[in-house]
Protein backbone atom coordinates (compact mmCIF):
# COMPACT_ATOMS: atom_id res chain seq x y z
CA MET A 1 14.16 132.18 -153.26
CA LYS A 2 15.06 135.81 -153.90
CA LYS A 3 18.04 136.19 -156.20
CA VAL A 4 20.91 138.53 -155.41
CA LYS A 5 21.01 141.39 -157.94
CA LEU A 6 24.61 142.15 -158.89
CA GLY A 7 25.59 145.23 -160.87
CA ILE A 8 28.87 144.98 -162.81
CA TYR A 9 31.08 147.61 -164.40
CA LEU A 10 34.35 146.20 -165.74
CA GLU A 11 36.36 148.02 -168.39
CA GLU A 12 38.55 145.08 -169.48
CA ASP A 13 36.54 143.18 -172.13
CA GLU A 14 38.25 139.80 -171.82
CA TYR A 15 38.05 139.75 -168.02
CA ARG A 16 34.39 140.85 -168.10
CA GLN A 17 33.46 138.10 -170.55
CA ARG A 18 35.27 135.44 -168.53
CA PHE A 19 33.68 136.69 -165.32
CA THR A 20 30.11 136.77 -166.68
CA CYS A 21 30.47 133.35 -168.35
CA TYR A 22 31.45 131.87 -165.00
CA PHE A 23 28.38 133.39 -163.37
CA MET A 24 26.08 132.06 -166.09
CA ASN A 25 27.54 128.56 -165.73
CA HIS A 26 27.52 128.37 -161.92
CA TYR A 27 25.25 131.03 -160.38
CA LYS A 28 22.43 131.80 -162.79
CA ASP A 29 19.86 130.34 -160.39
CA GLN A 30 21.11 132.42 -157.45
CA ILE A 31 22.40 135.71 -158.90
CA GLU A 32 21.00 138.12 -161.49
CA ILE A 33 23.67 140.07 -163.37
CA TYR A 34 23.26 143.64 -164.57
CA ILE A 35 26.12 144.84 -166.78
CA TYR A 36 26.73 148.60 -167.19
CA THR A 37 28.86 150.43 -169.73
CA ASP A 38 29.96 153.25 -167.45
CA MET A 39 30.25 154.03 -163.76
CA GLU A 40 27.48 156.62 -163.81
CA GLN A 41 24.96 153.97 -164.89
CA LEU A 42 26.10 151.70 -162.07
CA LEU A 43 25.64 154.52 -159.56
CA GLN A 44 22.12 155.19 -160.82
CA ALA A 45 21.27 151.47 -160.61
CA ALA A 46 22.34 151.48 -156.97
CA GLY A 47 19.23 153.53 -156.31
CA GLY A 48 17.05 150.41 -156.33
CA THR A 49 17.91 148.02 -159.15
CA ILE A 50 20.85 146.17 -157.53
CA ASP A 51 21.76 144.74 -154.12
CA VAL A 52 25.56 144.81 -154.51
CA ALA A 53 28.00 146.28 -157.03
CA LEU A 54 31.25 145.01 -158.55
CA ALA A 55 33.70 147.33 -160.27
CA GLU A 56 37.37 147.95 -160.87
CA GLU A 57 39.25 150.71 -159.11
CA THR A 58 37.19 153.88 -158.73
CA ASP A 59 37.12 156.85 -156.40
CA CYS A 60 33.58 158.05 -157.12
CA TRP A 61 31.44 155.55 -155.18
CA ASN A 62 29.03 157.48 -153.00
CA ARG A 63 26.42 154.88 -152.04
CA GLU A 64 26.90 153.74 -148.45
CA ASP A 65 23.62 151.80 -148.54
CA ILE A 66 24.79 149.53 -151.40
CA PRO A 67 28.10 147.68 -150.89
CA LEU A 68 30.74 147.93 -153.59
CA VAL A 69 33.17 145.06 -154.08
CA GLN A 70 36.15 146.63 -155.80
CA LEU A 71 38.66 144.57 -157.79
CA VAL A 72 42.21 145.72 -157.12
CA ASP A 73 45.73 144.51 -157.90
CA GLU A 74 46.79 145.35 -154.35
CA THR A 75 44.67 146.19 -151.31
CA PRO A 76 45.11 149.92 -150.46
CA LEU A 77 46.26 151.06 -147.03
CA GLN A 78 43.29 153.39 -146.58
CA THR A 79 39.76 151.97 -146.73
CA GLU A 80 36.48 153.65 -147.57
CA GLU A 81 33.04 153.21 -145.99
CA GLY A 82 30.91 150.74 -147.96
CA VAL A 83 33.78 149.67 -150.26
CA PHE A 84 35.34 146.22 -149.90
CA TYR A 85 38.56 145.32 -151.67
CA VAL A 86 39.30 141.96 -153.26
CA GLU A 87 42.20 140.85 -155.42
CA LYS A 88 41.30 140.80 -159.09
CA TYR A 89 43.44 137.93 -160.34
CA GLN A 90 42.33 134.93 -158.30
CA GLU A 91 39.77 132.15 -158.52
CA ILE A 92 36.41 133.65 -159.40
CA ASN A 93 34.53 131.56 -156.84
CA LYS A 94 36.56 133.31 -154.12
CA ILE A 95 35.48 136.68 -155.49
CA VAL A 96 31.90 135.40 -155.41
CA ASP A 97 32.34 134.50 -151.74
CA GLU A 98 33.39 138.09 -151.06
CA ILE A 99 30.40 139.46 -152.98
CA LEU A 100 27.87 137.30 -151.09
CA LYS A 101 29.52 138.11 -147.77
CA HIS A 102 28.37 141.71 -148.06
CA VAL A 103 24.76 141.08 -149.01
CA GLY A 104 23.19 141.47 -145.59
CA SER A 105 20.25 139.11 -146.06
CA GLU A 106 22.40 136.44 -147.68
CA VAL A 107 24.80 135.29 -144.96
CA LYS A 108 23.09 133.83 -141.89
CA ASN A 109 24.16 132.53 -138.51
CA LEU A 110 22.89 129.21 -137.23
CA HIS A 111 20.75 129.24 -134.09
CA ASN A 112 19.93 125.87 -132.57
CA GLU A 113 16.30 125.90 -131.52
CA GLY A 114 14.21 122.80 -130.78
CA SER A 115 14.82 119.62 -132.76
CA ILE A 116 17.80 119.98 -135.09
CA ASN A 117 16.13 117.70 -137.64
CA GLY A 118 12.90 119.70 -137.53
CA SER A 119 10.25 117.85 -139.53
CA THR A 120 12.81 116.32 -141.89
CA ARG A 121 13.08 112.55 -142.06
CA VAL A 122 16.77 111.60 -142.02
CA ILE A 123 17.79 108.18 -143.38
CA GLY A 124 21.27 106.70 -143.01
CA ILE A 125 22.88 104.10 -145.29
CA TYR A 126 26.18 102.29 -144.81
CA SER A 127 27.87 99.00 -145.58
CA LEU A 128 30.09 96.77 -143.51
CA ALA A 129 31.26 94.73 -146.50
CA ASP A 130 30.92 94.83 -150.29
CA ASN A 131 29.90 98.49 -150.36
CA GLN A 132 29.84 98.80 -154.17
CA TYR A 133 26.04 98.55 -153.98
CA GLN A 134 25.67 101.30 -151.38
CA LEU A 135 25.50 104.16 -153.90
CA PRO A 136 22.96 102.54 -156.27
CA PHE A 137 20.82 101.65 -153.25
CA ALA A 138 20.91 105.29 -152.07
CA MET A 139 19.96 106.42 -155.59
CA THR A 140 17.10 103.89 -155.78
CA LEU A 141 15.79 104.89 -152.36
CA GLY A 142 16.01 108.59 -153.24
CA SER A 143 14.23 108.09 -156.56
CA ILE A 144 11.39 106.16 -154.94
CA MET A 145 10.90 108.68 -152.12
CA GLY A 146 11.35 111.59 -154.53
CA GLU A 147 8.04 110.67 -156.18
CA GLU A 148 6.16 112.12 -153.21
CA ALA A 149 8.69 114.22 -151.27
CA LYS A 150 11.50 116.74 -151.61
CA VAL A 151 14.64 114.60 -151.22
CA LEU A 152 18.33 115.43 -150.77
CA VAL A 153 21.11 112.80 -151.01
CA ILE A 154 24.49 113.45 -149.33
CA ASP A 155 27.33 110.99 -149.96
CA PHE A 156 30.06 110.76 -147.29
CA GLN A 157 31.78 107.81 -148.97
CA GLU A 158 35.33 108.08 -150.22
CA ASN A 159 35.51 107.72 -154.02
CA SER A 160 31.98 106.30 -154.27
CA GLY A 161 31.67 107.07 -157.98
CA LEU A 162 28.98 109.73 -157.50
CA SER A 163 31.12 112.33 -159.26
CA LYS A 164 30.84 110.24 -162.46
CA VAL A 165 27.08 110.03 -162.09
CA LEU A 166 26.70 113.79 -161.65
CA GLU A 167 29.60 114.93 -163.82
CA SER A 168 30.74 116.90 -160.79
CA GLN A 169 31.77 120.52 -161.23
CA ASP A 170 34.87 122.10 -159.70
CA GLY A 171 34.78 124.47 -156.74
CA HIS A 172 31.33 123.83 -155.27
CA ASN A 173 30.73 120.57 -153.45
CA LEU A 174 30.27 118.96 -150.04
CA GLU A 175 33.55 120.43 -148.78
CA GLU A 176 32.15 123.96 -149.11
CA ILE A 177 29.01 123.03 -147.16
CA LEU A 178 31.11 121.38 -144.43
CA THR A 179 33.20 124.55 -144.18
CA MET A 180 30.04 126.60 -143.62
CA ALA A 181 28.81 124.06 -141.05
CA GLU A 182 32.10 124.32 -139.17
CA SER A 183 31.90 128.12 -139.04
CA GLY A 184 28.22 128.19 -138.05
CA ARG A 185 27.52 130.71 -140.84
CA PHE A 186 26.01 129.83 -144.19
CA SER A 187 24.81 131.26 -147.47
CA ALA A 188 21.76 129.68 -149.10
CA ASN A 189 23.00 130.75 -152.53
CA ARG A 190 26.39 129.13 -151.98
CA ILE A 191 24.73 125.93 -150.72
CA ASN A 192 22.47 125.79 -153.77
CA ALA A 193 25.56 126.07 -155.97
CA CYS A 194 26.77 122.82 -154.34
CA ILE A 195 23.55 120.96 -155.17
CA THR A 196 22.35 119.51 -158.47
CA HIS A 197 19.10 117.84 -159.53
CA LEU A 198 18.78 114.37 -161.06
CA GLU A 199 15.58 112.37 -161.60
CA LYS A 200 13.39 114.23 -159.06
CA VAL A 201 16.16 114.08 -156.42
CA ASP A 202 18.69 116.70 -155.27
CA TYR A 203 22.29 115.59 -154.79
CA VAL A 204 25.18 117.39 -153.08
CA TYR A 205 28.21 117.32 -155.36
CA PRO A 206 30.66 114.87 -153.74
CA ILE A 207 33.78 116.01 -151.97
CA SER A 208 36.97 116.09 -154.03
CA ASN A 209 39.49 116.13 -151.16
CA THR A 210 38.33 113.06 -149.22
CA GLU A 211 40.80 113.74 -146.38
CA CYS A 212 38.38 116.43 -145.19
CA LEU A 213 35.86 113.72 -144.29
CA CYS A 214 38.03 112.70 -141.31
CA ASP A 215 37.47 116.11 -139.69
CA ILE A 216 33.67 115.88 -139.47
CA ASP A 217 33.01 116.12 -135.73
CA THR A 218 29.90 116.49 -133.56
CA VAL A 219 29.69 120.29 -134.00
CA ILE A 220 29.92 120.03 -137.78
CA CYS A 221 27.33 117.22 -137.79
CA ASN A 222 24.86 119.25 -135.72
CA ASN A 223 25.30 122.36 -137.85
CA LEU A 224 25.10 120.37 -141.08
CA MET A 225 21.84 118.77 -139.97
CA GLN A 226 20.41 122.15 -139.06
CA ILE A 227 21.34 123.62 -142.44
CA VAL A 228 19.88 120.85 -144.60
CA CYS A 229 16.87 120.09 -142.39
CA GLN A 230 15.73 123.45 -141.01
CA GLU A 231 17.09 126.00 -143.45
CA LEU A 232 16.73 124.11 -146.76
CA GLN A 233 13.50 122.44 -145.62
CA TYR A 234 13.85 119.04 -147.27
CA ASP A 235 11.24 116.42 -146.48
CA VAL A 236 13.83 113.63 -146.60
CA VAL A 237 17.61 113.69 -146.31
CA ILE A 238 19.42 110.47 -147.27
CA ILE A 239 22.99 110.22 -145.97
CA SER A 240 25.24 107.58 -147.50
CA MET A 241 27.89 107.03 -144.82
CA GLY A 242 31.56 106.34 -145.41
CA ALA A 243 34.40 105.69 -142.98
CA ARG A 244 34.11 106.23 -139.24
CA PHE A 245 34.64 109.99 -139.11
CA LYS A 246 34.43 111.70 -135.72
CA GLY A 247 30.70 112.42 -135.94
CA PHE A 248 29.68 109.07 -137.44
CA PHE A 249 27.58 107.96 -134.47
CA ASP A 250 26.07 111.45 -134.04
CA ILE A 251 24.70 111.18 -137.58
CA LEU A 252 23.38 107.66 -136.99
CA ASN A 253 21.66 108.80 -133.81
CA ARG A 254 19.68 111.39 -135.79
CA CYS A 255 18.40 108.90 -138.39
CA ALA A 256 14.79 107.73 -138.39
CA GLU A 257 15.88 104.63 -140.29
CA ILE A 258 19.28 103.10 -140.96
CA PHE A 259 19.86 100.65 -143.81
CA VAL A 260 22.96 98.45 -143.75
CA VAL A 261 23.57 97.13 -147.25
CA GLN A 262 25.28 93.72 -147.21
CA ARG A 263 24.84 90.15 -148.33
CA LYS A 264 24.05 87.39 -145.88
CA GLY A 265 26.82 85.12 -144.62
CA GLY A 266 30.52 85.44 -145.28
CA ILE A 267 32.74 87.91 -143.50
CA GLY A 268 29.91 90.45 -143.34
CA GLN A 269 28.25 88.57 -140.46
CA TRP A 270 31.37 88.95 -138.30
CA ARG A 271 31.61 92.64 -139.08
CA GLU A 272 27.93 92.99 -138.25
CA TYR A 273 28.53 91.30 -134.90
CA GLU A 274 31.41 93.64 -133.99
CA SER A 275 29.42 96.68 -135.13
CA THR A 276 26.51 95.66 -132.90
CA GLU A 277 28.84 95.22 -129.94
CA GLU A 278 30.36 98.66 -130.50
CA LEU A 279 26.95 100.35 -130.66
CA MET A 280 25.90 98.62 -127.44
CA THR A 281 29.14 99.66 -125.72
CA ARG A 282 28.62 103.29 -126.77
CA GLY A 283 25.06 103.30 -125.43
CA TYR A 284 23.27 103.38 -128.79
CA LYS A 285 20.76 100.60 -128.17
CA GLU A 286 17.97 102.69 -129.73
CA VAL A 287 20.08 103.09 -132.87
CA LEU A 288 20.29 99.31 -133.16
CA GLU A 289 16.50 99.13 -133.13
CA ARG A 290 16.34 101.39 -136.22
CA ILE A 291 18.85 99.36 -138.26
CA ARG A 292 17.60 97.16 -141.08
CA ILE A 293 19.85 94.82 -143.04
CA ILE A 294 19.27 95.15 -146.79
CA GLU A 295 20.51 92.35 -149.04
CA PRO A 296 20.84 93.65 -152.61
CA PRO A 297 19.69 91.33 -155.41
CA ILE A 298 22.26 89.28 -157.27
CA VAL A 299 23.15 91.11 -160.47
CA THR A 300 23.24 88.48 -163.23
CA SER A 301 23.78 90.78 -166.21
CA THR A 302 26.53 93.29 -166.86
CA VAL A 303 25.60 96.73 -165.50
CA ASN A 304 28.04 99.52 -166.31
CA THR A 305 26.47 102.46 -164.49
CA CYS A 306 24.90 103.16 -161.09
CA GLU A 307 22.03 104.97 -162.80
CA ARG A 308 21.08 101.91 -164.83
CA LEU A 309 21.25 99.59 -161.83
CA ALA A 310 19.19 102.00 -159.71
CA GLU A 311 16.59 102.21 -162.48
CA GLN A 312 16.36 98.40 -162.67
CA TRP A 313 16.02 98.07 -158.90
CA LYS A 314 13.36 100.76 -158.73
CA TRP A 315 10.96 98.88 -161.01
CA ASN A 316 11.58 95.27 -160.00
CA GLU A 317 10.71 93.31 -156.86
CA PHE A 318 13.57 94.94 -154.95
CA GLY A 319 11.95 98.34 -155.51
CA ASP A 320 8.70 96.99 -154.06
CA ILE A 321 10.60 95.83 -150.97
CA ILE A 322 12.12 99.30 -150.52
CA ARG A 323 8.71 100.94 -150.87
CA SER A 324 7.27 98.72 -148.16
CA LEU A 325 10.21 99.47 -145.84
CA VAL A 326 9.99 103.27 -146.03
CA LYS A 327 6.23 103.66 -146.16
CA GLY A 328 4.69 105.45 -143.20
CA VAL A 329 7.73 105.49 -140.87
CA SER A 330 7.84 108.68 -138.76
CA CYS A 331 10.83 111.01 -138.41
CA ALA A 332 13.30 110.79 -135.51
CA GLY A 333 13.90 114.15 -133.81
């Protein structure tokens, strides 16, 4: 993927250091930074070296073909062609949003054409009872499929523990991707900032404000599927479901396979019965045909982390069962 080339001229040393450190920590894979010691150098670089410029207040910008994002204490009343004003003292990720907004090839609009899933195989996972094993199962499944495919795991659960597994960063997570899905406009660089890599599998950083999960409706679901399936071009997307948000059944309906993680007997069988009845009532008989009940093995020893449990499952008999379940099943459109 082509990186955005950002030219920077900032006179204040402390602010420049803080700004560039943030970029190196969060955007080094998406943005190349070019730092200049005076405005004349920045103007010369605009002739071909950079895609967008960032500077403090200046009145000598004369490049209409290269956008300038200008840091100001207060937005001026009069604007200038090709210059975009943003407040200097605010969260840096918001300034980044403003920078990427003005890189023409970076921000895209979604256009629904053909199958939303494309060629991507979407797999859903949820639990009706005892869902503490849902996350390690999703990690085990992702690790197994990641041996031969490009896999993305998205966790819609509330407080699943994934943030502890990934040591989640602040500012870039599932909430940002959902916001882009809601608007129908997205930035590949911003999405990549919300994704991390672990053991051959990509994970979306989990949402921090779990109340936002309740607002996921059909439109957001459709746009989200288009972004991760068509635009990011993953072979497999594994979605670990949480509570019944508005688009819950829309997501299930797009899954090639659905795994319900629960133990046999107990209260789970009654919840399974009611869930089946609800799917039938809503007209999702075909969804029922794609559901498979997965009974996780009894854990006899103390396991303190999801990663360790997923690693154990991957290489024991349970891992062999998972391999046989996912082998050679085609994608649902």
